[in-house]
C-alpha atoms as a PDB file:
ATOM      1  CA  MET A   1     192.453 114.394 109.803  1.00  0.00           C
ATOM      2  CA  THR A   2     190.710 117.632 111.115  1.00  0.00           C
ATOM      3  CA  HIS A   3     192.722 120.994 111.105  1.00  0.00           C
ATOM      4  CA  SER A   4     191.089 124.021 112.613  1.00  0.00           C
ATOM      5  CA  SER A   5     193.076 127.058 114.097  1.00  0.00           C
ATOM      6  CA  ILE A   6     192.510 129.919 115.798  1.00  0.00           C
ATOM      7  CA  LEU A   7     195.450 132.614 115.971  1.00  0.00           C
ATOM      8  CA  ARG A   8     195.527 134.327 119.358  1.00  0.00           C
ATOM      9  CA  VAL A   9     197.123 137.919 119.134  1.00  0.00           C
ATOM     10  CA  SER A  10     199.062 139.449 122.022  1.00  0.00           C
ATOM     11  CA  VAL A  11     200.705 142.800 122.131  1.00  0.00           C
ATOM     12  CA  ASN A  12     203.636 143.338 124.754  1.00  0.00           C
ATOM     13  CA  GLY A  13     202.544 139.899 126.206  1.00  0.00           C
ATOM     14  CA  VAL A  14     199.038 140.833 126.837  1.00  0.00           C
ATOM     15  CA  GLU A  15     196.459 138.560 124.931  1.00  0.00           C
ATOM     16  CA  VAL A  16     194.140 141.293 122.755  1.00  0.00           C
ATOM     17  CA  GLY A  17     192.183 139.014 120.459  1.00  0.00           C
ATOM     18  CA  SER A  18     191.654 136.229 118.047  1.00  0.00           C
ATOM     19  CA  LEU A  19     191.057 135.593 114.455  1.00  0.00           C
ATOM     20  CA  PRO A  20     190.557 132.552 112.308  1.00  0.00           C
ATOM     21  CA  GLU A  21     193.470 131.367 110.378  1.00  0.00           C
ATOM     22  CA  GLU A  22     192.062 131.765 107.145  1.00  0.00           C
ATOM     23  CA  LEU A  23     191.167 135.625 107.819  1.00  0.00           C
ATOM     24  CA  TYR A  24     195.012 135.772 108.635  1.00  0.00           C
ATOM     25  CA  GLU A  25     195.880 133.846 105.115  1.00  0.00           C
ATOM     26  CA  LYS A  26     193.568 136.386 103.545  1.00  0.00           C
ATOM     27  CA  ILE A  27     195.256 139.452 104.870  1.00  0.00           C
ATOM     28  CA  SER A  28     198.668 137.919 104.309  1.00  0.00           C
ATOM     29  CA  ARG A  29     197.982 136.914 100.447  1.00  0.00           C
ATOM     30  CA  GLU A  30     196.283 140.774 100.194  1.00  0.00           C
ATOM     31  CA  VAL A  31     199.341 142.417 101.540  1.00  0.00           C
ATOM     32  CA  ARG A  32     201.816 140.159  99.524  1.00  0.00           C
ATOM     33  CA  ARG A  33     200.091 141.482  96.192  1.00  0.00           C
ATOM     34  CA  ASN A  34     201.453 144.887  96.853  1.00  0.00           C
ATOM     35  CA  LYS A  35     204.511 145.001  94.854  1.00  0.00           C
ATOM     36  CA  TRP A  36     205.835 148.246  96.362  1.00  0.00           C
ATOM     37  CA  LEU A  37     206.382 146.465  99.479  1.00  0.00           C
ATOM     38  CA  TYR A  38     208.834 144.292  97.969  1.00  0.00           C
ATOM     39  CA  VAL A  39     210.781 147.484  96.887  1.00  0.00           C
ATOM     40  CA  LEU A  40     210.662 148.730 100.281  1.00  0.00           C
ATOM     41  CA  GLN A  41     211.857 145.460 101.480  1.00  0.00           C
ATOM     42  CA  GLY A  42     214.805 145.924  99.119  1.00  0.00           C
ATOM     43  CA  PHE A  43     215.555 149.577 100.512  1.00  0.00           C
ATOM     44  CA  SER A  44     215.337 148.075 103.999  1.00  0.00           C
ATOM     45  CA  PHE A  45     217.863 145.566 103.114  1.00  0.00           C
ATOM     46  CA  LEU A  46     220.190 147.981 101.840  1.00  0.00           C
ATOM     47  CA  ASN A  47     219.993 150.106 104.686  1.00  0.00           C
ATOM     48  CA  SER A  48     220.920 147.272 107.061  1.00  0.00           C
ATOM     49  CA  VAL A  49     223.964 146.512 105.026  1.00  0.00           C
ATOM     50  CA  LEU A  50     224.910 150.206 104.953  1.00  0.00           C
ATOM     51  CA  VAL A  51     224.391 150.198 108.839  1.00  0.00           C
ATOM     52  CA  VAL A  52     226.743 147.160 109.111  1.00  0.00           C
ATOM     53  CA  LEU A  53     229.069 148.684 106.805  1.00  0.00           C
ATOM     54  CA  SER A  54     229.291 151.825 108.948  1.00  0.00           C
ATOM     55  CA  ARG A  55     229.241 150.240 112.086  1.00  0.00           C
ATOM     56  CA  PHE A  56     232.191 147.956 111.090  1.00  0.00           C
ATOM     57  CA  LEU A  57     234.531 150.647 110.365  1.00  0.00           C
ATOM     58  CA  GLU A  58     233.298 152.525 113.407  1.00  0.00           C
ATOM     59  CA  TYR A  59     234.496 149.322 115.499  1.00  0.00           C
ATOM     60  CA  ALA A  60     237.375 149.255 113.523  1.00  0.00           C
ATOM     61  CA  ALA A  61     238.475 152.545 114.064  1.00  0.00           C
ATOM     62  CA  ILE A  62     237.499 152.410 117.818  1.00  0.00           C
ATOM     63  CA  LEU A  63     239.525 149.199 118.307  1.00  0.00           C
ATOM     64  CA  SER A  64     242.835 150.577 116.658  1.00  0.00           C
ATOM     65  CA  VAL A  65     242.508 153.459 119.110  1.00  0.00           C
ATOM     66  CA  LEU A  66     241.913 151.524 122.084  1.00  0.00           C
ATOM     67  CA  PHE A  67     244.594 148.997 121.213  1.00  0.00           C
ATOM     68  CA  SER A  68     247.162 151.639 120.369  1.00  0.00           C
ATOM     69  CA  ILE A  69     246.335 153.294 123.846  1.00  0.00           C
ATOM     70  CA  PHE A  70     246.681 149.932 125.679  1.00  0.00           C
ATOM     71  CA  VAL A  71     250.174 149.287 124.207  1.00  0.00           C
ATOM     72  CA  ALA A  72     251.338 152.675 124.908  1.00  0.00           C
ATOM     73  CA  VAL A  73     250.243 152.816 128.458  1.00  0.00           C
ATOM     74  CA  TYR A  74     250.815 149.137 129.732  1.00  0.00           C
ATOM     75  CA  SER A  75     254.233 148.583 127.544  1.00  0.00           C
ATOM     76  CA  PRO A  76     255.893 151.857 126.632  1.00  0.00           C
ATOM     77  CA  ASP A  77     259.126 149.844 125.956  1.00  0.00           C
ATOM     78  CA  THR A  78     257.354 147.932 123.007  1.00  0.00           C
ATOM     79  CA  THR A  79     255.877 151.241 121.532  1.00  0.00           C
ATOM     80  CA  ALA A  80     259.628 152.672 121.414  1.00  0.00           C
ATOM     81  CA  THR A  81     260.923 149.310 119.692  1.00  0.00           C
ATOM     82  CA  VAL A  82     258.021 149.844 117.043  1.00  0.00           C
ATOM     83  CA  TRP A  83     258.799 153.527 116.397  1.00  0.00           C
ATOM     84  CA  ALA A  84     262.452 152.463 116.002  1.00  0.00           C
ATOM     85  CA  ALA A  85     261.716 149.672 113.858  1.00  0.00           C
ATOM     86  CA  LEU A  86     259.621 151.933 111.917  1.00  0.00           C
ATOM     87  CA  MET A  87     262.308 154.526 111.254  1.00  0.00           C
ATOM     88  CA  ARG A  88     264.705 151.806 110.077  1.00  0.00           C
ATOM     89  CA  ALA A  89     262.432 150.046 107.953  1.00  0.00           C
ATOM     90  CA  THR A  90     261.918 150.382 104.190  1.00  0.00           C
ATOM     91  CA  PRO A  91     258.858 151.573 102.719  1.00  0.00           C
ATOM     92  CA  GLU A  92     257.837 148.016 101.634  1.00  0.00           C
ATOM     93  CA  GLN A  93     258.187 147.038 105.017  1.00  0.00           C
ATOM     94  CA  VAL A  94     256.207 149.759 106.701  1.00  0.00           C
ATOM     95  CA  ALA A  95     253.373 149.096 103.899  1.00  0.00           C
ATOM     96  CA  ASN A  96     253.483 145.188 104.953  1.00  0.00           C
ATOM     97  CA  GLY A  97     253.197 146.012 108.966  1.00  0.00           C
ATOM     98  CA  PHE A  98     250.377 148.417 108.388  1.00  0.00           C
ATOM     99  CA  ARG A  99     248.737 145.897 106.127  1.00  0.00           C
ATOM    100  CA  ALA A 100     249.350 142.975 108.737  1.00  0.00           C
ATOM    101  CA  MET A 101     247.778 145.612 111.492  1.00  0.00           C
ATOM    102  CA  ALA A 102     244.522 146.324 109.101  1.00  0.00           C
ATOM    103  CA  GLU A 103     243.935 142.563 108.615  1.00  0.00           C
ATOM    104  CA  LEU A 104     244.010 141.510 112.487  1.00  0.00           C
ATOM    105  CA  THR A 105     242.021 144.810 113.088  1.00  0.00           C
ATOM    106  CA  LEU A 106     239.386 143.720 110.736  1.00  0.00           C
ATOM    107  CA  PHE A 107     239.377 140.389 111.729  1.00  0.00           C
ATOM    108  CA  MET A 108     238.835 141.090 115.276  1.00  0.00           C
ATOM    109  CA  THR A 109     235.880 143.818 114.274  1.00  0.00           C
ATOM    110  CA  GLY A 110     234.522 141.086 112.369  1.00  0.00           C
ATOM    111  CA  LEU A 111     234.358 138.570 115.187  1.00  0.00           C
ATOM    112  CA  GLY A 112     232.951 141.357 117.586  1.00  0.00           C
ATOM    113  CA  MET A 113     229.917 142.136 114.821  1.00  0.00           C
ATOM    114  CA  LEU A 114     229.225 138.325 114.526  1.00  0.00           C
ATOM    115  CA  ALA A 115     229.074 138.166 118.478  1.00  0.00           C
ATOM    116  CA  MET A 116     226.794 141.418 118.321  1.00  0.00           C
ATOM    117  CA  LEU A 117     224.448 139.514 115.637  1.00  0.00           C
ATOM    118  CA  SER A 118     224.372 136.378 117.710  1.00  0.00           C
ATOM    119  CA  LEU A 119     223.725 138.384 120.945  1.00  0.00           C
ATOM    120  CA  LYS A 120     221.063 140.911 119.505  1.00  0.00           C
ATOM    121  CA  GLY A 121     219.759 139.757 116.470  1.00  0.00           C
ATOM    122  CA  PHE A 122     219.240 141.344 113.047  1.00  0.00           C
ATOM    123  CA  ASP A 123     217.419 144.227 114.883  1.00  0.00           C
ATOM    124  CA  TYR A 124     220.435 145.691 116.136  1.00  0.00           C
ATOM    125  CA  PHE A 125     221.435 146.620 112.747  1.00  0.00           C
ATOM    126  CA  GLY A 126     218.144 148.156 111.679  1.00  0.00           C
ATOM    127  CA  ALA A 127     216.647 145.262 109.589  1.00  0.00           C
ATOM    128  CA  VAL A 128     212.906 145.820 109.085  1.00  0.00           C
ATOM    129  CA  ASP A 129     210.411 142.878 107.795  1.00  0.00           C
ATOM    130  CA  VAL A 130     208.196 145.406 105.642  1.00  0.00           C
ATOM    131  CA  ILE A 131     205.861 142.762 104.837  1.00  0.00           C
ATOM    132  CA  GLN A 132     205.092 141.324 108.185  1.00  0.00           C
ATOM    133  CA  ARG A 133     205.050 144.838 109.562  1.00  0.00           C
ATOM    134  CA  GLU A 134     202.121 145.565 107.188  1.00  0.00           C
ATOM    135  CA  ILE A 135     200.580 142.258 107.656  1.00  0.00           C
ATOM    136  CA  ASN A 136     200.590 143.116 111.537  1.00  0.00           C
ATOM    137  CA  ARG A 137     199.117 146.376 110.788  1.00  0.00           C
ATOM    138  CA  TYR A 138     196.184 144.935 109.260  1.00  0.00           C
ATOM    139  CA  VAL A 139     195.586 142.683 112.014  1.00  0.00           C
ATOM    140  CA  ARG A 140     195.590 145.671 114.401  1.00  0.00           C
ATOM    141  CA  THR A 141     193.344 147.370 112.456  1.00  0.00           C
ATOM    142  CA  TYR A 142     191.127 144.454 112.176  1.00  0.00           C
ATOM    143  CA  LEU A 143     191.339 143.738 116.046  1.00  0.00           C
ATOM    144  CA  GLU A 144     191.428 147.499 117.026  1.00  0.00           C
ATOM    145  CA  VAL A 145     194.515 146.784 119.161  1.00  0.00           C
ATOM    146  CA  PRO A 146     197.041 149.622 120.435  1.00  0.00           C
ATOM    147  CA  SER A 147     199.394 150.568 117.219  1.00  0.00           C
ATOM    148  CA  GLU A 148     202.403 150.440 119.226  1.00  0.00           C
ATOM    149  CA  GLY A 149     204.099 147.497 121.071  1.00  0.00           C
ATOM    150  CA  HIS A 150     205.556 144.293 120.361  1.00  0.00           C
ATOM    151  CA  MET A 151     202.807 142.064 118.568  1.00  0.00           C
ATOM    152  CA  THR A 152     202.865 138.225 118.740  1.00  0.00           C
ATOM    153  CA  ILE A 153     200.584 135.966 116.499  1.00  0.00           C
ATOM    154  CA  ARG A 154     200.366 132.321 118.220  1.00  0.00           C
ATOM    155  CA  ALA A 155     198.380 129.626 116.532  1.00  0.00           C
ATOM    156  CA  ASP A 156     196.703 126.905 118.441  1.00  0.00           C
ATOM    157  CA  VAL A 157     196.150 124.136 116.204  1.00  0.00           C
ATOM    158  CA  VAL A 158     194.137 121.110 117.372  1.00  0.00           C
ATOM    159  CA  GLN A 159     194.864 118.085 114.729  1.00  0.00           C
ATOM    160  CA  GLY A 160     192.751 115.011 115.144  1.00  0.00           C
ATOM    161  CA  GLY A 161     192.846 114.493 118.810  1.00  0.00           C
ATOM    162  CA  ASN A 162     196.654 114.955 119.325  1.00  0.00           C
ATOM    163  CA  GLY A 163     195.926 118.257 121.294  1.00  0.00           C
ATOM    164  CA  PRO A 164     197.092 121.601 120.639  1.00  0.00           C
ATOM    165  CA  THR A 165     200.437 122.492 119.292  1.00  0.00           C
ATOM    166  CA  THR A 166     201.757 126.269 119.352  1.00  0.00           C
ATOM    167  CA  ALA A 167     203.457 128.250 116.643  1.00  0.00           C
ATOM    168  CA  SER A 168     204.109 131.839 116.691  1.00  0.00           C
ATOM    169  CA  SER A 169     204.990 134.727 114.461  1.00  0.00           C
ATOM    170  CA  ASN A 170     206.628 137.779 115.902  1.00  0.00           C
ATOM    171  CA  GLU A 171     206.606 141.486 114.571  1.00  0.00           C
END
């Protein structure tokens, strides 16, 4: 079975050139030999985790305040009842009530964060694939294409008469 492949490179949806798959593999191997990129990838991952934690805490605080305002405006009798119950409650009951409220808030915030992840992807949280970015930089230099914009590398593979199939790699 014969296997030949030419990679088509597009920037912002416009095809800007092509290169043999062997050359792309050589560039990829060369870039992956640089161990510092793996260290940078680790820092990028750590940055993403910190962004997720900070947004989680930010959204939890915003959700708590908005919920409190909503209850105070649309159900003032409930707010008065809660304050009266807090005045009569023991410290243990108050602590349990605040713990339950915090658990509910954190659960709802977690669901919101999962929804954001599913709608916007990891890029929303600052995730960067450092190794792929470096590979794409080498490809841009080789093809002399613009250094800005979304780059797509698409492989048109012809395998023993079955016709072309397409795979893609995004930056």
